[in-house]
Amino acid sequence: MATLSDAKTGRSPRDKRVVKDETTANELWWGKGSPNIEMDEHTFLVHRERAVDYLNSLDKVFVNDQFLNWDPEHRIKVQIISARAYHSLFMHNINNMGKDGDVALFFGLSGRAIREA
């Protein structure tokens, strides 16, 4: 497979926004040189509502239930909803859960239960 790409080929760290609140204010790097750009909670909620409205207007969406972080002590469950199949596939690949037991754990099953299904 061969592809051609345009001049803009990656994600820009300067495109990332983070809600600065009591937790993130002391846990994240802010200021000059930081990739974390402050966003207030109201602005986040407005953008989230617009995204939900857009997804609700579509005939089909793609849903991935995944863990973020390989370390069992620190990983969290997330549900990633996207409008395009290639975004869904990208998120599946970047956050791949790995072993069947991890998938079973996500859904609260034993590793054996998923292999027997």
PDB file of N, CA and C in Angstrom:
ATOM      1  N   MET A   1       0.846  -1.166   0.000  1.00  0.00           N
ATOM      2  CA  MET A   1       0.000   0.000   0.000  1.00  0.00           C
ATOM      3  C   MET A   1       0.894   1.233   0.000  1.00  0.00           C
ATOM      4  N   ALA A   2       0.518   2.223  -0.764  1.00  0.00           N
ATOM      5  CA  ALA A   2       1.243   3.483  -0.808  1.00  0.00           C
ATOM      6  C   ALA A   2       0.248   4.621  -0.670  1.00  0.00           C
ATOM      7  N   THR A   3       0.653   5.662   0.030  1.00  0.00           N
ATOM      8  CA  THR A   3      -0.216   6.822   0.187  1.00  0.00           C
ATOM      9  C   THR A   3       0.588   8.089   0.007  1.00  0.00           C
ATOM     10  N   LEU A   4      -0.088   9.138  -0.299  1.00  0.00           N
ATOM     11  CA  LEU A   4       0.503  10.472  -0.359  1.00  0.00           C
ATOM     12  C   LEU A   4      -0.182  11.310   0.699  1.00  0.00           C
ATOM     13  N   SER A   5       0.576  12.159   1.364  1.00  0.00           N
ATOM     14  CA  SER A   5      -0.063  13.016   2.358  1.00  0.00           C
ATOM     15  C   SER A   5       0.272  14.468   2.051  1.00  0.00           C
ATOM     16  N   ASP A   6      -0.543  15.325   2.557  1.00  0.00           N
ATOM     17  CA  ASP A   6      -0.380  16.752   2.344  1.00  0.00           C
ATOM     18  C   ASP A   6       0.688  17.301   3.291  1.00  0.00           C
ATOM     19  N   ALA A   7       0.854  18.592   3.299  1.00  0.00           N
ATOM     20  CA  ALA A   7       1.887  19.238   4.116  1.00  0.00           C
ATOM     21  C   ALA A   7       1.667  19.007   5.608  1.00  0.00           C
ATOM     22  N   LYS A   8       0.417  18.957   6.057  1.00  0.00           N
ATOM     23  CA  LYS A   8       0.119  18.739   7.473  1.00  0.00           C
ATOM     24  C   LYS A   8      -0.120  17.251   7.672  1.00  0.00           C
ATOM     25  N   THR A   9       0.811  16.587   8.340  1.00  0.00           N
ATOM     26  CA  THR A   9       0.739  15.126   8.425  1.00  0.00           C
ATOM     27  C   THR A   9       0.607  14.589   9.842  1.00  0.00           C
ATOM     28  N   GLY A  10       0.572  15.423  10.838  1.00  0.00           N
ATOM     29  CA  GLY A  10       0.509  14.897  12.202  1.00  0.00           C
ATOM     30  C   GLY A  10      -0.375  15.731  13.100  1.00  0.00           C
ATOM     31  N   ARG A  11      -0.491  15.257  14.326  1.00  0.00           N
ATOM     32  CA  ARG A  11      -1.250  15.996  15.324  1.00  0.00           C
ATOM     33  C   ARG A  11      -0.325  17.015  15.971  1.00  0.00           C
ATOM     34  N   SER A  12      -0.819  18.203  16.134  1.00  0.00           N
ATOM     35  CA  SER A  12      -0.018  19.255  16.739  1.00  0.00           C
ATOM     36  C   SER A  12      -0.210  19.261  18.251  1.00  0.00           C
ATOM     37  N   PRO A  13       0.881  19.233  19.020  1.00  0.00           N
ATOM     38  CA  PRO A  13       0.740  19.317  20.484  1.00  0.00           C
ATOM     39  C   PRO A  13       0.062  20.613  20.912  1.00  0.00           C
ATOM     40  N   ARG A  14       0.154  21.637  20.075  1.00  0.00           N
ATOM     41  CA  ARG A  14      -0.458  22.916  20.417  1.00  0.00           C
ATOM     42  C   ARG A  14      -1.973  22.920  20.180  1.00  0.00           C
ATOM     43  N   ASP A  15      -2.526  21.797  19.717  1.00  0.00           N
ATOM     44  CA  ASP A  15      -3.970  21.685  19.513  1.00  0.00           C
ATOM     45  C   ASP A  15      -4.669  21.091  20.736  1.00  0.00           C
ATOM     46  N   LYS A  16      -3.912  20.723  21.751  1.00  0.00           N
ATOM     47  CA  LYS A  16      -4.489  20.049  22.919  1.00  0.00           C
ATOM     48  C   LYS A  16      -4.965  21.077  23.940  1.00  0.00           C
ATOM     49  N   ARG A  17      -6.175  20.884  24.444  1.00  0.00           N
ATOM     50  CA  ARG A  17      -6.730  21.745  25.491  1.00  0.00           C
ATOM     51  C   ARG A  17      -7.061  20.885  26.703  1.00  0.00           C
ATOM     52  N   VAL A  18      -6.841  21.435  27.897  1.00  0.00           N
ATOM     53  CA  VAL A  18      -7.094  20.721  29.144  1.00  0.00           C
ATOM     54  C   VAL A  18      -7.850  21.663  30.079  1.00  0.00           C
ATOM     55  N   VAL A  19      -8.905  21.138  30.720  1.00  0.00           N
ATOM     56  CA  VAL A  19      -9.624  21.940  31.707  1.00  0.00           C
ATOM     57  C   VAL A  19      -8.725  22.085  32.927  1.00  0.00           C
ATOM     58  N   LYS A  20      -8.453  23.317  33.282  1.00  0.00           N
ATOM     59  CA  LYS A  20      -7.634  23.591  34.471  1.00  0.00           C
ATOM     60  C   LYS A  20      -8.581  23.726  35.663  1.00  0.00           C
ATOM     61  N   ASP A  21      -8.480  22.743  36.573  1.00  0.00           N
ATOM     62  CA  ASP A  21      -9.321  22.744  37.761  1.00  0.00           C
ATOM     63  C   ASP A  21      -8.456  22.443  38.981  1.00  0.00           C
ATOM     64  N   GLU A  22      -9.081  22.114  40.103  1.00  0.00           N
ATOM     65  CA  GLU A  22      -8.329  21.861  41.342  1.00  0.00           C
ATOM     66  C   GLU A  22      -7.312  20.738  41.177  1.00  0.00           C
ATOM     67  N   THR A  23      -7.666  19.700  40.446  1.00  0.00           N
ATOM     68  CA  THR A  23      -6.764  18.555  40.264  1.00  0.00           C
ATOM     69  C   THR A  23      -5.664  18.860  39.266  1.00  0.00           C
ATOM     70  N   THR A  24      -6.041  19.316  38.080  1.00  0.00           N
ATOM     71  CA  THR A  24      -5.046  19.508  37.022  1.00  0.00           C
ATOM     72  C   THR A  24      -4.126  20.697  37.280  1.00  0.00           C
ATOM     73  N   ALA A  25      -4.585  21.664  38.055  1.00  0.00           N
ATOM     74  CA  ALA A  25      -3.761  22.848  38.315  1.00  0.00           C
ATOM     75  C   ALA A  25      -2.417  22.479  38.935  1.00  0.00           C
ATOM     76  N   ASN A  26      -2.407  21.474  39.788  1.00  0.00           N
ATOM     77  CA  ASN A  26      -1.175  21.087  40.473  1.00  0.00           C
ATOM     78  C   ASN A  26      -0.517  19.843  39.903  1.00  0.00           C
ATOM     79  N   GLU A  27      -1.221  19.111  39.049  1.00  0.00           N
ATOM     80  CA  GLU A  27      -0.710  17.844  38.529  1.00  0.00           C
ATOM     81  C   GLU A  27      -0.093  17.953  37.145  1.00  0.00           C
ATOM     82  N   LEU A  28      -0.447  18.988  36.391  1.00  0.00           N
ATOM     83  CA  LEU A  28       0.043  19.114  35.022  1.00  0.00           C
ATOM     84  C   LEU A  28       1.005  20.274  34.891  1.00  0.00           C
ATOM     85  N   TRP A  29       1.810  20.203  33.875  1.00  0.00           N
ATOM     86  CA  TRP A  29       2.760  21.262  33.561  1.00  0.00           C
ATOM     87  C   TRP A  29       2.025  22.337  32.776  1.00  0.00           C
ATOM     88  N   TRP A  30       2.048  23.545  33.266  1.00  0.00           N
ATOM     89  CA  TRP A  30       1.406  24.680  32.621  1.00  0.00           C
ATOM     90  C   TRP A  30       2.465  25.716  32.299  1.00  0.00           C
ATOM     91  N   GLY A  31       2.157  26.614  31.408  1.00  0.00           N
ATOM     92  CA  GLY A  31       3.040  27.736  31.145  1.00  0.00           C
ATOM     93  C   GLY A  31       3.904  27.555  29.916  1.00  0.00           C
ATOM     94  N   LYS A  32       4.943  28.384  29.829  1.00  0.00           N
ATOM     95  CA  LYS A  32       5.804  28.432  28.647  1.00  0.00           C
ATOM     96  C   LYS A  32       6.421  27.056  28.347  1.00  0.00           C
ATOM     97  N   GLY A  33       6.267  26.634  27.111  1.00  0.00           N
ATOM     98  CA  GLY A  33       6.832  25.363  26.677  1.00  0.00           C
ATOM     99  C   GLY A  33       5.949  24.154  26.930  1.00  0.00           C
ATOM    100  N   SER A  34       4.881  24.318  27.695  1.00  0.00           N
ATOM    101  CA  SER A  34       3.996  23.204  28.013  1.00  0.00           C
ATOM    102  C   SER A  34       3.049  22.919  26.850  1.00  0.00           C
ATOM    103  N   PRO A  35       2.757  21.633  26.587  1.00  0.00           N
ATOM    104  CA  PRO A  35       1.757  21.315  25.568  1.00  0.00           C
ATOM    105  C   PRO A  35       0.328  21.446  26.100  1.00  0.00           C
ATOM    106  N   ASN A  36       0.189  21.716  27.408  1.00  0.00           N
ATOM    107  CA  ASN A  36      -1.127  21.813  28.036  1.00  0.00           C
ATOM    108  C   ASN A  36      -1.634  23.251  27.966  1.00  0.00           C
ATOM    109  N   ILE A  37      -2.665  23.449  27.162  1.00  0.00           N
ATOM    110  CA  ILE A  37      -3.248  24.775  26.997  1.00  0.00           C
ATOM    111  C   ILE A  37      -4.543  24.813  27.786  1.00  0.00           C
ATOM    112  N   GLU A  38      -4.666  25.823  28.629  1.00  0.00           N
ATOM    113  CA  GLU A  38      -5.796  25.920  29.550  1.00  0.00           C
ATOM    114  C   GLU A  38      -7.118  26.169  28.839  1.00  0.00           C
ATOM    115  N   MET A  39      -8.149  25.456  29.317  1.00  0.00           N
ATOM    116  CA  MET A  39      -9.520  25.652  28.859  1.00  0.00           C
ATOM    117  C   MET A  39     -10.404  25.679  30.103  1.00  0.00           C
ATOM    118  N   ASP A  40     -11.333  26.621  30.158  1.00  0.00           N
ATOM    119  CA  ASP A  40     -12.225  26.649  31.316  1.00  0.00           C
ATOM    120  C   ASP A  40     -13.329  25.612  31.137  1.00  0.00           C
ATOM    121  N   GLU A  41     -13.964  25.253  32.238  1.00  0.00           N
ATOM    122  CA  GLU A  41     -14.959  24.182  32.214  1.00  0.00           C
ATOM    123  C   GLU A  41     -16.170  24.534  31.357  1.00  0.00           C
ATOM    124  N   HIS A  42     -16.603  25.781  31.379  1.00  0.00           N
ATOM    125  CA  HIS A  42     -17.762  26.174  30.570  1.00  0.00           C
ATOM    126  C   HIS A  42     -17.486  25.964  29.077  1.00  0.00           C
ATOM    127  N   THR A  43     -16.312  26.372  28.630  1.00  0.00           N
ATOM    128  CA  THR A  43     -15.946  26.199  27.219  1.00  0.00           C
ATOM    129  C   THR A  43     -15.914  24.712  26.862  1.00  0.00           C
ATOM    130  N   PHE A  44     -15.355  23.879  27.748  1.00  0.00           N
ATOM    131  CA  PHE A  44     -15.338  22.435  27.513  1.00  0.00           C
ATOM    132  C   PHE A  44     -16.755  21.899  27.354  1.00  0.00           C
ATOM    133  N   LEU A  45     -17.658  22.295  28.253  1.00  0.00           N
ATOM    134  CA  LEU A  45     -19.037  21.794  28.207  1.00  0.00           C
ATOM    135  C   LEU A  45     -19.745  22.214  26.917  1.00  0.00           C
ATOM    136  N   VAL A  46     -19.493  23.429  26.442  1.00  0.00           N
ATOM    137  CA  VAL A  46     -20.088  23.890  25.184  1.00  0.00           C
ATOM    138  C   VAL A  46     -19.590  23.023  24.028  1.00  0.00           C
ATOM    139  N   HIS A  47     -18.278  22.777  23.980  1.00  0.00           N
ATOM    140  CA  HIS A  47     -17.715  21.955  22.904  1.00  0.00           C
ATOM    141  C   HIS A  47     -18.206  20.509  22.992  1.00  0.00           C
ATOM    142  N   ARG A  48     -18.317  19.975  24.193  1.00  0.00           N
ATOM    143  CA  ARG A  48     -18.813  18.611  24.359  1.00  0.00           C
ATOM    144  C   ARG A  48     -20.258  18.504  23.867  1.00  0.00           C
ATOM    145  N   GLU A  49     -21.085  19.486  24.192  1.00  0.00           N
ATOM    146  CA  GLU A  49     -22.473  19.477  23.746  1.00  0.00           C
ATOM    147  C   GLU A  49     -22.556  19.532  22.219  1.00  0.00           C
ATOM    148  N   ARG A  50     -21.713  20.330  21.594  1.00  0.00           N
ATOM    149  CA  ARG A  50     -21.697  20.405  20.126  1.00  0.00           C
ATOM    150  C   ARG A  50     -21.290  19.059  19.525  1.00  0.00           C
ATOM    151  N   ALA A  51     -20.308  18.393  20.133  1.00  0.00           N
ATOM    152  CA  ALA A  51     -19.860  17.089  19.638  1.00  0.00           C
ATOM    153  C   ALA A  51     -20.962  16.046  19.781  1.00  0.00           C
ATOM    154  N   VAL A  52     -21.641  16.035  20.907  1.00  0.00           N
ATOM    155  CA  VAL A  52     -22.737  15.077  21.126  1.00  0.00           C
ATOM    156  C   VAL A  52     -23.864  15.340  20.134  1.00  0.00           C
ATOM    157  N   ASP A  53     -24.202  16.598  19.902  1.00  0.00           N
ATOM    158  CA  ASP A  53     -25.244  16.930  18.926  1.00  0.00           C
ATOM    159  C   ASP A  53     -24.853  16.424  17.537  1.00  0.00           C
ATOM    160  N   TYR A  54     -23.585  16.612  17.159  1.00  0.00           N
ATOM    161  CA  TYR A  54     -23.123  16.145  15.862  1.00  0.00           C
ATOM    162  C   TYR A  54     -23.233  14.623  15.765  1.00  0.00           C
ATOM    163  N   LEU A  55     -22.749  13.910  16.774  1.00  0.00           N
ATOM    164  CA  LEU A  55     -22.807  12.446  16.746  1.00  0.00           C
ATOM    165  C   LEU A  55     -24.254  11.952  16.701  1.00  0.00           C
ATOM    166  N   ASN A  56     -25.138  12.630  17.402  1.00  0.00           N
ATOM    167  CA  ASN A  56     -26.556  12.246  17.396  1.00  0.00           C
ATOM    168  C   ASN A  56     -27.223  12.476  16.042  1.00  0.00           C
ATOM    169  N   SER A  57     -26.627  13.324  15.211  1.00  0.00           N
ATOM    170  CA  SER A  57     -27.210  13.595  13.891  1.00  0.00           C
ATOM    171  C   SER A  57     -26.806  12.552  12.850  1.00  0.00           C
ATOM    172  N   LEU A  58     -25.874  11.664  13.184  1.00  0.00           N
ATOM    173  CA  LEU A  58     -25.368  10.690  12.231  1.00  0.00           C
ATOM    174  C   LEU A  58     -26.211   9.418  12.211  1.00  0.00           C
ATOM    175  N   ASP A  59     -26.213   8.749  11.075  1.00  0.00           N
ATOM    176  CA  ASP A  59     -26.913   7.469  10.956  1.00  0.00           C
ATOM    177  C   ASP A  59     -26.143   6.348  11.635  1.00  0.00           C
ATOM    178  N   LYS A  60     -24.818   6.469  11.686  1.00  0.00           N
ATOM    179  CA  LYS A  60     -23.968   5.411  12.234  1.00  0.00           C
ATOM    180  C   LYS A  60     -22.788   6.041  12.974  1.00  0.00           C
ATOM    181  N   VAL A  61     -22.450   5.470  14.118  1.00  0.00           N
ATOM    182  CA  VAL A  61     -21.234   5.856  14.844  1.00  0.00           C
ATOM    183  C   VAL A  61     -20.453   4.597  15.176  1.00  0.00           C
ATOM    184  N   PHE A  62     -19.199   4.757  15.496  1.00  0.00           N
ATOM    185  CA  PHE A  62     -18.324   3.641  15.825  1.00  0.00           C
ATOM    186  C   PHE A  62     -17.926   3.769  17.285  1.00  0.00           C
ATOM    187  N   VAL A  63     -18.055   2.663  18.030  1.00  0.00           N
ATOM    188  CA  VAL A  63     -17.838   2.693  19.472  1.00  0.00           C
ATOM    189  C   VAL A  63     -16.747   1.694  19.846  1.00  0.00           C
ATOM    190  N   ASN A  64     -15.760   2.152  20.608  1.00  0.00           N
ATOM    191  CA  ASN A  64     -14.698   1.293  21.146  1.00  0.00           C
ATOM    192  C   ASN A  64     -14.719   1.396  22.668  1.00  0.00           C
ATOM    193  N   ASP A  65     -14.873   0.260  23.341  1.00  0.00           N
ATOM    194  CA  ASP A  65     -14.730   0.197  24.798  1.00  0.00           C
ATOM    195  C   ASP A  65     -13.313  -0.291  25.067  1.00  0.00           C
ATOM    196  N   GLN A  66     -12.511   0.542  25.738  1.00  0.00           N
ATOM    197  CA  GLN A  66     -11.098   0.217  25.897  1.00  0.00           C
ATOM    198  C   GLN A  66     -10.578   0.645  27.265  1.00  0.00           C
ATOM    199  N   PHE A  67      -9.404   0.090  27.578  1.00  0.00           N
ATOM    200  CA  PHE A  67      -8.631   0.576  28.707  1.00  0.00           C
ATOM    201  C   PHE A  67      -7.615   1.586  28.192  1.00  0.00           C
ATOM    202  N   LEU A  68      -7.333   2.589  28.974  1.00  0.00           N
ATOM    203  CA  LEU A  68      -6.197   3.461  28.716  1.00  0.00           C
ATOM    204  C   LEU A  68      -5.163   3.159  29.785  1.00  0.00           C
ATOM    205  N   ASN A  69      -3.953   2.895  29.382  1.00  0.00           N
ATOM    206  CA  ASN A  69      -2.802   2.592  30.232  1.00  0.00           C
ATOM    207  C   ASN A  69      -2.673   1.078  30.419  1.00  0.00           C
ATOM    208  N   TRP A  70      -1.508   0.564  30.153  1.00  0.00           N
ATOM    209  CA  TRP A  70      -1.249  -0.871  30.280  1.00  0.00           C
ATOM    210  C   TRP A  70      -1.108  -1.309  31.733  1.00  0.00           C
ATOM    211  N   ASP A  71      -0.705  -0.417  32.616  1.00  0.00           N
ATOM    212  CA  ASP A  71      -0.498  -0.762  34.016  1.00  0.00           C
ATOM    213  C   ASP A  71      -1.856  -0.968  34.694  1.00  0.00           C
ATOM    214  N   PRO A  72      -2.155  -2.208  35.151  1.00  0.00           N
ATOM    215  CA  PRO A  72      -3.467  -2.473  35.763  1.00  0.00           C
ATOM    216  C   PRO A  72      -3.798  -1.567  36.943  1.00  0.00           C
ATOM    217  N   GLU A  73      -2.786  -1.073  37.641  1.00  0.00           N
ATOM    218  CA  GLU A  73      -3.047  -0.207  38.795  1.00  0.00           C
ATOM    219  C   GLU A  73      -3.510   1.182  38.391  1.00  0.00           C
ATOM    220  N   HIS A  74      -3.198   1.590  37.167  1.00  0.00           N
ATOM    221  CA  HIS A  74      -3.490   2.969  36.764  1.00  0.00           C
ATOM    222  C   HIS A  74      -4.401   3.079  35.550  1.00  0.00           C
ATOM    223  N   ARG A  75      -4.816   1.960  34.972  1.00  0.00           N
ATOM    224  CA  ARG A  75      -5.619   2.074  33.767  1.00  0.00           C
ATOM    225  C   ARG A  75      -7.069   2.406  34.094  1.00  0.00           C
ATOM    226  N   ILE A  76      -7.711   3.042  33.141  1.00  0.00           N
ATOM    227  CA  ILE A  76      -9.107   3.439  33.299  1.00  0.00           C
ATOM    228  C   ILE A  76      -9.902   2.941  32.097  1.00  0.00           C
ATOM    229  N   LYS A  77     -11.195   2.720  32.311  1.00  0.00           N
ATOM    230  CA  LYS A  77     -12.093   2.327  31.232  1.00  0.00           C
ATOM    231  C   LYS A  77     -12.562   3.591  30.515  1.00  0.00           C
ATOM    232  N   VAL A  78     -12.591   3.526  29.187  1.00  0.00           N
ATOM    233  CA  VAL A  78     -13.130   4.628  28.403  1.00  0.00           C
ATOM    234  C   VAL A  78     -13.994   4.073  27.284  1.00  0.00           C
ATOM    235  N   GLN A  79     -14.930   4.853  26.851  1.00  0.00           N
ATOM    236  CA  GLN A  79     -15.718   4.517  25.677  1.00  0.00           C
ATOM    237  C   GLN A  79     -15.449   5.624  24.660  1.00  0.00           C
ATOM    238  N   ILE A  80     -14.886   5.226  23.525  1.00  0.00           N
ATOM    239  CA  ILE A  80     -14.513   6.171  22.482  1.00  0.00           C
ATOM    240  C   ILE A  80     -15.546   6.069  21.363  1.00  0.00           C
ATOM    241  N   ILE A  81     -16.204   7.177  21.062  1.00  0.00           N
ATOM    242  CA  ILE A  81     -17.226   7.212  20.030  1.00  0.00           C
ATOM    243  C   ILE A  81     -16.731   8.115  18.913  1.00  0.00           C
ATOM    244  N   SER A  82     -16.738   7.591  17.692  1.00  0.00           N
ATOM    245  CA  SER A  82     -16.248   8.372  16.562  1.00  0.00           C
ATOM    246  C   SER A  82     -17.209   8.302  15.390  1.00  0.00           C
ATOM    247  N   ALA A  83     -17.077   9.265  14.498  1.00  0.00           N
ATOM    248  CA  ALA A  83     -17.956   9.362  13.341  1.00  0.00           C
ATOM    249  C   ALA A  83     -17.436   8.572  12.149  1.00  0.00           C
ATOM    250  N   ARG A  84     -16.158   8.274  12.131  1.00  0.00           N
ATOM    251  CA  ARG A  84     -15.563   7.616  10.972  1.00  0.00           C
ATOM    252  C   ARG A  84     -14.868   6.329  11.377  1.00  0.00           C
ATOM    253  N   ALA A  85     -14.943   5.343  10.500  1.00  0.00           N
ATOM    254  CA  ALA A  85     -14.342   4.043  10.777  1.00  0.00           C
ATOM    255  C   ALA A  85     -12.836   4.147  10.977  1.00  0.00           C
ATOM    256  N   TYR A  86     -12.170   4.982  10.182  1.00  0.00           N
ATOM    257  CA  TYR A  86     -10.720   5.051  10.320  1.00  0.00           C
ATOM    258  C   TYR A  86     -10.302   5.683  11.639  1.00  0.00           C
ATOM    259  N   HIS A  87     -11.111   6.583  12.198  1.00  0.00           N
ATOM    260  CA  HIS A  87     -10.801   7.117  13.530  1.00  0.00           C
ATOM    261  C   HIS A  87     -10.961   6.015  14.575  1.00  0.00           C
ATOM    262  N   SER A  88     -12.004   5.218  14.411  1.00  0.00           N
ATOM    263  CA  SER A  88     -12.251   4.120  15.335  1.00  0.00           C
ATOM    264  C   SER A  88     -11.110   3.107  15.295  1.00  0.00           C
ATOM    265  N   LEU A  89     -10.677   2.763  14.098  1.00  0.00           N
ATOM    266  CA  LEU A  89      -9.566   1.823  13.946  1.00  0.00           C
ATOM    267  C   LEU A  89      -8.280   2.387  14.530  1.00  0.00           C
ATOM    268  N   PHE A  90      -8.023   3.663  14.303  1.00  0.00           N
ATOM    269  CA  PHE A  90      -6.832   4.304  14.865  1.00  0.00           C
ATOM    270  C   PHE A  90      -6.851   4.208  16.389  1.00  0.00           C
ATOM    271  N   MET A  91      -7.988   4.536  17.009  1.00  0.00           N
ATOM    272  CA  MET A  91      -8.075   4.486  18.468  1.00  0.00           C
ATOM    273  C   MET A  91      -7.964   3.051  18.980  1.00  0.00           C
ATOM    274  N   HIS A  92      -8.515   2.093  18.238  1.00  0.00           N
ATOM    275  CA  HIS A  92      -8.379   0.697  18.622  1.00  0.00           C
ATOM    276  C   HIS A  92      -6.902   0.286  18.621  1.00  0.00           C
ATOM    277  N   ASN A  93      -6.193   0.682  17.588  1.00  0.00           N
ATOM    278  CA  ASN A  93      -4.781   0.306  17.480  1.00  0.00           C
ATOM    279  C   ASN A  93      -3.903   1.008  18.511  1.00  0.00           C
ATOM    280  N   ILE A  94      -4.169   2.267  18.766  1.00  0.00           N
ATOM    281  CA  ILE A  94      -3.321   3.008  19.701  1.00  0.00           C
ATOM    282  C   ILE A  94      -3.568   2.584  21.148  1.00  0.00           C
ATOM    283  N   ASN A  95      -4.776   2.117  21.441  1.00  0.00           N
ATOM    284  CA  ASN A  95      -5.124   1.713  22.807  1.00  0.00           C
ATOM    285  C   ASN A  95      -5.395   0.224  22.909  1.00  0.00           C
ATOM    286  N   ASN A  96      -4.812  -0.567  22.026  1.00  0.00           N
ATOM    287  CA  ASN A  96      -5.096  -1.994  21.962  1.00  0.00           C
ATOM    288  C   ASN A  96      -4.965  -2.640  23.334  1.00  0.00           C
ATOM    289  N   MET A  97      -6.014  -3.375  23.747  1.00  0.00           N
ATOM    290  CA  MET A  97      -6.026  -4.007  25.067  1.00  0.00           C
ATOM    291  C   MET A  97      -5.157  -5.244  25.144  1.00  0.00           C
ATOM    292  N   GLY A  98      -4.733  -5.772  24.009  1.00  0.00           N
ATOM    293  CA  GLY A  98      -3.816  -6.911  24.057  1.00  0.00           C
ATOM    294  C   GLY A  98      -4.512  -8.235  24.258  1.00  0.00           C
ATOM    295  N   LYS A  99      -4.227  -8.879  25.367  1.00  0.00           N
ATOM    296  CA  LYS A  99      -4.697 -10.246  25.633  1.00  0.00           C
ATOM    297  C   LYS A  99      -6.209 -10.320  25.804  1.00  0.00           C
ATOM    298  N   ASP A 100      -6.768 -11.505  25.469  1.00  0.00           N
ATOM    299  CA  ASP A 100      -8.205 -11.724  25.639  1.00  0.00           C
ATOM    300  C   ASP A 100      -8.645 -11.496  27.075  1.00  0.00           C
ATOM    301  N   GLY A 101      -7.788 -11.816  28.021  1.00  0.00           N
ATOM    302  CA  GLY A 101      -8.131 -11.619  29.427  1.00  0.00           C
ATOM    303  C   GLY A 101      -8.385 -10.164  29.757  1.00  0.00           C
ATOM    304  N   ASP A 102      -7.676  -9.248  29.071  1.00  0.00           N
ATOM    305  CA  ASP A 102      -7.899  -7.829  29.297  1.00  0.00           C
ATOM    306  C   ASP A 102      -9.281  -7.413  28.814  1.00  0.00           C
ATOM    307  N   VAL A 103      -9.697  -7.957  27.673  1.00  0.00           N
ATOM    308  CA  VAL A 103     -11.027  -7.663  27.154  1.00  0.00           C
ATOM    309  C   VAL A 103     -12.078  -8.174  28.134  1.00  0.00           C
ATOM    310  N   ALA A 104     -11.881  -9.391  28.623  1.00  0.00           N
ATOM    311  CA  ALA A 104     -12.814  -9.968  29.584  1.00  0.00           C
ATOM    312  C   ALA A 104     -12.876  -9.118  30.849  1.00  0.00           C
ATOM    313  N   LEU A 105     -11.719  -8.685  31.320  1.00  0.00           N
ATOM    314  CA  LEU A 105     -11.658  -7.859  32.523  1.00  0.00           C
ATOM    315  C   LEU A 105     -12.436  -6.568  32.324  1.00  0.00           C
ATOM    316  N   PHE A 106     -12.339  -5.990  31.134  1.00  0.00           N
ATOM    317  CA  PHE A 106     -13.048  -4.752  30.843  1.00  0.00           C
ATOM    318  C   PHE A 106     -14.547  -4.927  31.061  1.00  0.00           C
ATOM    319  N   PHE A 107     -15.073  -6.064  30.600  1.00  0.00           N
ATOM    320  CA  PHE A 107     -16.506  -6.308  30.709  1.00  0.00           C
ATOM    321  C   PHE A 107     -16.892  -7.044  31.988  1.00  0.00           C
ATOM    322  N   GLY A 108     -15.943  -7.205  32.914  1.00  0.00           N
ATOM    323  CA  GLY A 108     -16.241  -7.822  34.196  1.00  0.00           C
ATOM    324  C   GLY A 108     -16.355  -9.337  34.139  1.00  0.00           C
ATOM    325  N   LEU A 109     -15.744  -9.963  33.134  1.00  0.00           N
ATOM    326  CA  LEU A 109     -15.775 -11.418  32.999  1.00  0.00           C
ATOM    327  C   LEU A 109     -14.416 -11.994  33.361  1.00  0.00           C
ATOM    328  N   SER A 110     -14.385 -13.282  33.597  1.00  0.00           N
ATOM    329  CA  SER A 110     -13.087 -13.935  33.779  1.00  0.00           C
ATOM    330  C   SER A 110     -12.495 -14.202  32.410  1.00  0.00           C
ATOM    331  N   GLY A 111     -11.178 -14.337  32.327  1.00  0.00           N
ATOM    332  CA  GLY A 111     -10.525 -14.656  31.055  1.00  0.00           C
ATOM    333  C   GLY A 111     -11.060 -15.943  30.464  1.00  0.00           C
ATOM    334  N   ARG A 112     -11.397 -16.913  31.313  1.00  0.00           N
ATOM    335  CA  ARG A 112     -11.920 -18.195  30.856  1.00  0.00           C
ATOM    336  C   ARG A 112     -13.283 -18.019  30.193  1.00  0.00           C
ATOM    337  N   ALA A 113     -14.123 -17.156  30.765  1.00  0.00           N
ATOM    338  CA  ALA A 113     -15.484 -16.963  30.242  1.00  0.00           C
ATOM    339  C   ALA A 113     -15.457 -16.453  28.808  1.00  0.00           C
ATOM    340  N   ILE A 114     -14.557 -15.533  28.498  1.00  0.00           N
ATOM    341  CA  ILE A 114     -14.521 -15.001  27.147  1.00  0.00           C
ATOM    342  C   ILE A 114     -13.974 -16.020  26.152  1.00  0.00           C
ATOM    343  N   ARG A 115     -13.041 -16.864  26.567  1.00  0.00           N
ATOM    344  CA  ARG A 115     -12.495 -17.885  25.660  1.00  0.00           C
ATOM    345  C   ARG A 115     -13.536 -18.963  25.348  1.00  0.00           C
ATOM    346  N   GLU A 116     -14.462 -19.199  26.293  1.00  0.00           N
ATOM    347  CA  GLU A 116     -15.487 -20.219  26.096  1.00  0.00           C
ATOM    348  C   GLU A 116     -16.694 -19.684  25.340  1.00  0.00           C
ATOM    349  N   ALA A 117     -16.786 -18.390  25.204  1.00  0.00           N
ATOM    350  CA  ALA A 117     -17.958 -17.777  24.527  1.00  0.00           C
ATOM    351  C   ALA A 117     -17.944 -18.039  23.038  1.00  0.00           C
TER     352      ALA A 117
END
